[in-house]
Amino acid sequence: MKAFEFKIIVEAASAEMMKNNTTIFHLVVALDAAATAAAAAVVVVVVVVVVVVVVVVVVVVVVVLAFVVLSRYS
């Protein structure tokens, strides 16, 4: 094999590797975006659950206080 032929093969292999690296890079970016979206969804779910729990606790406290006040002054 001549040195010139070897150089062409190496350049072709390098170009293919660069193309694959670009594909892998795009895949990593897509996975990162998906992970970010999943994390955002988890944060939204946690916030909604916390808000619901706080609202339920406030309602229970108000009902208990109302019951105590009504039973004491009636």
N, C-alpha and C. Protein backbone atom coordinates (compact mmCIF):
# COMPACT_ATOMS: atom_id res chain seq x y z
N MET A 1 0.85 -1.18 0.00
CA MET A 1 0.00 0.00 0.00
C MET A 1 0.89 1.23 0.00
N LYS A 2 0.55 2.14 -0.87
CA LYS A 2 1.33 3.38 -0.94
C LYS A 2 0.92 4.32 0.19
N ALA A 3 1.83 5.23 0.52
CA ALA A 3 1.56 6.19 1.59
C ALA A 3 0.37 7.08 1.23
N PHE A 4 0.23 7.40 -0.07
CA PHE A 4 -0.87 8.26 -0.50
C PHE A 4 -2.22 7.58 -0.26
N GLU A 5 -2.30 6.29 -0.59
CA GLU A 5 -3.55 5.54 -0.36
C GLU A 5 -3.87 5.46 1.13
N PHE A 6 -2.84 5.25 1.92
CA PHE A 6 -3.04 5.18 3.37
C PHE A 6 -3.58 6.50 3.90
N LYS A 7 -3.04 7.61 3.38
CA LYS A 7 -3.50 8.94 3.82
C LYS A 7 -4.97 9.14 3.48
N ILE A 8 -5.40 8.71 2.30
CA ILE A 8 -6.81 8.85 1.91
C ILE A 8 -7.70 8.04 2.85
N ILE A 9 -7.27 6.82 3.17
CA ILE A 9 -8.06 5.97 4.07
C ILE A 9 -8.16 6.61 5.45
N VAL A 10 -7.05 7.15 5.94
CA VAL A 10 -7.06 7.79 7.26
C VAL A 10 -7.97 9.01 7.25
N GLU A 11 -7.91 9.81 6.18
CA GLU A 11 -8.78 11.00 6.10
C GLU A 11 -10.25 10.60 6.06
N ALA A 12 -10.57 9.55 5.29
CA ALA A 12 -11.95 9.09 5.23
C ALA A 12 -12.43 8.59 6.59
N ALA A 13 -11.56 7.86 7.28
CA ALA A 13 -11.92 7.37 8.61
C ALA A 13 -12.09 8.53 9.58
N SER A 14 -11.23 9.53 9.48
CA SER A 14 -11.34 10.70 10.35
C SER A 14 -12.65 11.44 10.09
N ALA A 15 -13.00 11.60 8.81
CA ALA A 15 -14.26 12.27 8.48
C ALA A 15 -15.45 11.50 9.04
N GLU A 16 -15.40 10.18 8.94
CA GLU A 16 -16.49 9.35 9.47
C GLU A 16 -16.57 9.48 10.99
N MET A 17 -15.42 9.51 11.64
CA MET A 17 -15.41 9.67 13.10
C MET A 17 -15.97 11.03 13.50
N MET A 18 -15.61 12.07 12.75
CA MET A 18 -16.14 13.41 13.05
C MET A 18 -17.66 13.41 12.89
N LYS A 19 -18.15 12.75 11.84
CA LYS A 19 -19.59 12.70 11.62
C LYS A 19 -20.27 11.96 12.78
N ASN A 20 -19.67 10.87 13.22
CA ASN A 20 -20.24 10.11 14.33
C ASN A 20 -20.19 10.91 15.63
N ASN A 21 -19.10 11.64 15.83
CA ASN A 21 -19.00 12.48 17.03
C ASN A 21 -20.08 13.54 17.02
N THR A 22 -20.36 14.11 15.85
CA THR A 22 -21.42 15.11 15.76
C THR A 22 -22.75 14.47 16.12
N THR A 23 -22.98 13.26 15.61
CA THR A 23 -24.23 12.56 15.93
C THR A 23 -24.32 12.29 17.43
N ILE A 24 -23.22 11.83 18.01
CA ILE A 24 -23.20 11.57 19.46
C ILE A 24 -23.43 12.87 20.22
N PHE A 25 -22.82 13.97 19.74
CA PHE A 25 -23.01 15.27 20.40
C PHE A 25 -24.48 15.66 20.37
N HIS A 26 -25.14 15.50 19.20
CA HIS A 26 -26.56 15.84 19.11
C HIS A 26 -27.39 14.95 20.03
N LEU A 27 -27.01 13.67 20.12
CA LEU A 27 -27.72 12.76 21.01
C LEU A 27 -27.58 13.20 22.46
N VAL A 28 -26.37 13.60 22.84
CA VAL A 28 -26.14 14.06 24.22
C VAL A 28 -26.95 15.31 24.49
N VAL A 29 -26.98 16.24 23.52
CA VAL A 29 -27.77 17.46 23.71
C VAL A 29 -29.25 17.11 23.85
N ALA A 30 -29.74 16.19 23.02
CA ALA A 30 -31.15 15.79 23.10
C ALA A 30 -31.45 15.12 24.44
N LEU A 31 -30.54 14.25 24.89
CA LEU A 31 -30.74 13.60 26.18
C LEU A 31 -30.71 14.61 27.32
N ASP A 32 -29.82 15.60 27.22
CA ASP A 32 -29.74 16.64 28.23
C ASP A 32 -31.04 17.43 28.27
N ALA A 33 -31.58 17.77 27.09
CA ALA A 33 -32.84 18.50 27.04
C ALA A 33 -33.97 17.66 27.63
N ALA A 34 -33.97 16.37 27.33
CA ALA A 34 -35.01 15.49 27.88
C ALA A 34 -34.89 15.39 29.39
N ALA A 35 -33.66 15.29 29.88
CA ALA A 35 -33.46 15.23 31.33
C ALA A 35 -33.89 16.52 31.99
N THR A 36 -33.60 17.66 31.34
CA THR A 36 -34.03 18.95 31.89
C THR A 36 -35.55 19.03 31.93
N ALA A 37 -36.20 18.58 30.86
CA ALA A 37 -37.67 18.60 30.83
C ALA A 37 -38.24 17.68 31.90
N ALA A 38 -37.63 16.51 32.09
CA ALA A 38 -38.10 15.59 33.13
C ALA A 38 -37.92 16.20 34.51
N ALA A 39 -36.78 16.85 34.72
CA ALA A 39 -36.54 17.49 36.02
C ALA A 39 -37.55 18.61 36.25
N ALA A 40 -37.85 19.39 35.20
CA ALA A 40 -38.84 20.45 35.33
C ALA A 40 -40.21 19.87 35.66
N ALA A 41 -40.55 18.75 35.02
CA ALA A 41 -41.84 18.11 35.30
C ALA A 41 -41.90 17.63 36.75
N VAL A 42 -40.80 17.07 37.24
CA VAL A 42 -40.75 16.62 38.63
C VAL A 42 -40.91 17.80 39.57
N VAL A 43 -40.25 18.91 39.27
CA VAL A 43 -40.37 20.11 40.12
C VAL A 43 -41.82 20.59 40.13
N VAL A 44 -42.46 20.62 38.96
CA VAL A 44 -43.86 21.06 38.89
C VAL A 44 -44.75 20.15 39.72
N VAL A 45 -44.54 18.84 39.61
CA VAL A 45 -45.36 17.89 40.39
C VAL A 45 -45.14 18.11 41.88
N VAL A 46 -43.89 18.28 42.29
CA VAL A 46 -43.60 18.50 43.71
C VAL A 46 -44.25 19.78 44.21
N VAL A 47 -44.17 20.85 43.41
CA VAL A 47 -44.78 22.12 43.81
C VAL A 47 -46.29 21.96 43.94
N VAL A 48 -46.92 21.28 42.98
CA VAL A 48 -48.37 21.07 43.04
C VAL A 48 -48.74 20.27 44.27
N VAL A 49 -47.99 19.21 44.57
CA VAL A 49 -48.28 18.39 45.75
C VAL A 49 -48.14 19.22 47.02
N VAL A 50 -47.09 20.03 47.10
CA VAL A 50 -46.88 20.86 48.29
C VAL A 50 -48.03 21.85 48.45
N VAL A 51 -48.44 22.48 47.35
CA VAL A 51 -49.55 23.44 47.42
C VAL A 51 -50.83 22.75 47.87
N VAL A 52 -51.11 21.58 47.33
CA VAL A 52 -52.32 20.84 47.72
C VAL A 52 -52.27 20.49 49.20
N VAL A 53 -51.12 20.01 49.68
CA VAL A 53 -50.99 19.65 51.09
C VAL A 53 -51.19 20.88 51.97
N VAL A 54 -50.60 22.01 51.60
CA VAL A 54 -50.76 23.23 52.39
C VAL A 54 -52.22 23.66 52.42
N VAL A 55 -52.90 23.61 51.28
CA VAL A 55 -54.31 23.99 51.24
C VAL A 55 -55.15 23.07 52.12
N VAL A 56 -54.89 21.77 52.06
CA VAL A 56 -55.64 20.82 52.89
C VAL A 56 -55.39 21.09 54.37
N VAL A 57 -54.15 21.34 54.74
CA VAL A 57 -53.83 21.62 56.14
C VAL A 57 -54.53 22.89 56.60
N VAL A 58 -54.51 23.93 55.78
CA VAL A 58 -55.17 25.18 56.14
C VAL A 58 -56.67 24.96 56.31
N VAL A 59 -57.29 24.22 55.40
CA VAL A 59 -58.73 23.95 55.50
C VAL A 59 -59.04 23.17 56.78
N VAL A 60 -58.24 22.16 57.08
CA VAL A 60 -58.46 21.37 58.30
C VAL A 60 -58.32 22.25 59.54
N VAL A 61 -57.30 23.10 59.58
CA VAL A 61 -57.10 23.98 60.73
C VAL A 61 -58.28 24.93 60.88
N VAL A 62 -58.75 25.51 59.78
CA VAL A 62 -59.89 26.43 59.84
C VAL A 62 -61.14 25.71 60.33
N VAL A 63 -61.38 24.50 59.83
CA VAL A 63 -62.56 23.75 60.26
C VAL A 63 -62.47 23.40 61.74
N VAL A 64 -61.31 22.97 62.20
CA VAL A 64 -61.14 22.63 63.62
C VAL A 64 -61.31 23.87 64.48
N LEU A 65 -60.72 24.98 64.08
CA LEU A 65 -60.88 26.22 64.86
C LEU A 65 -62.33 26.67 64.88
N ALA A 66 -63.01 26.58 63.75
CA ALA A 66 -64.42 26.95 63.71
C ALA A 66 -65.24 26.05 64.63
N PHE A 67 -64.95 24.76 64.62
CA PHE A 67 -65.67 23.82 65.49
C PHE A 67 -65.42 24.16 66.96
N VAL A 68 -64.16 24.45 67.31
CA VAL A 68 -63.82 24.79 68.70
C VAL A 68 -64.53 26.07 69.11
N VAL A 69 -64.50 27.08 68.25
CA VAL A 69 -65.13 28.36 68.58
C VAL A 69 -66.64 28.18 68.72
N LEU A 70 -67.25 27.46 67.79
CA LEU A 70 -68.70 27.27 67.85
C LEU A 70 -69.10 26.44 69.07
N SER A 71 -68.31 25.42 69.40
CA SER A 71 -68.67 24.59 70.55
C SER A 71 -68.46 25.35 71.86
N ARG A 72 -67.53 26.25 71.90
CA ARG A 72 -67.25 26.99 73.13
C ARG A 72 -68.29 28.08 73.36
N TYR A 73 -68.72 28.76 72.30
CA TYR A 73 -69.59 29.92 72.47
C TYR A 73 -71.05 29.63 72.14
N SER A 74 -71.41 28.37 71.99
CA SER A 74 -72.81 28.12 71.67
C SER A 74 -73.53 27.47 72.85
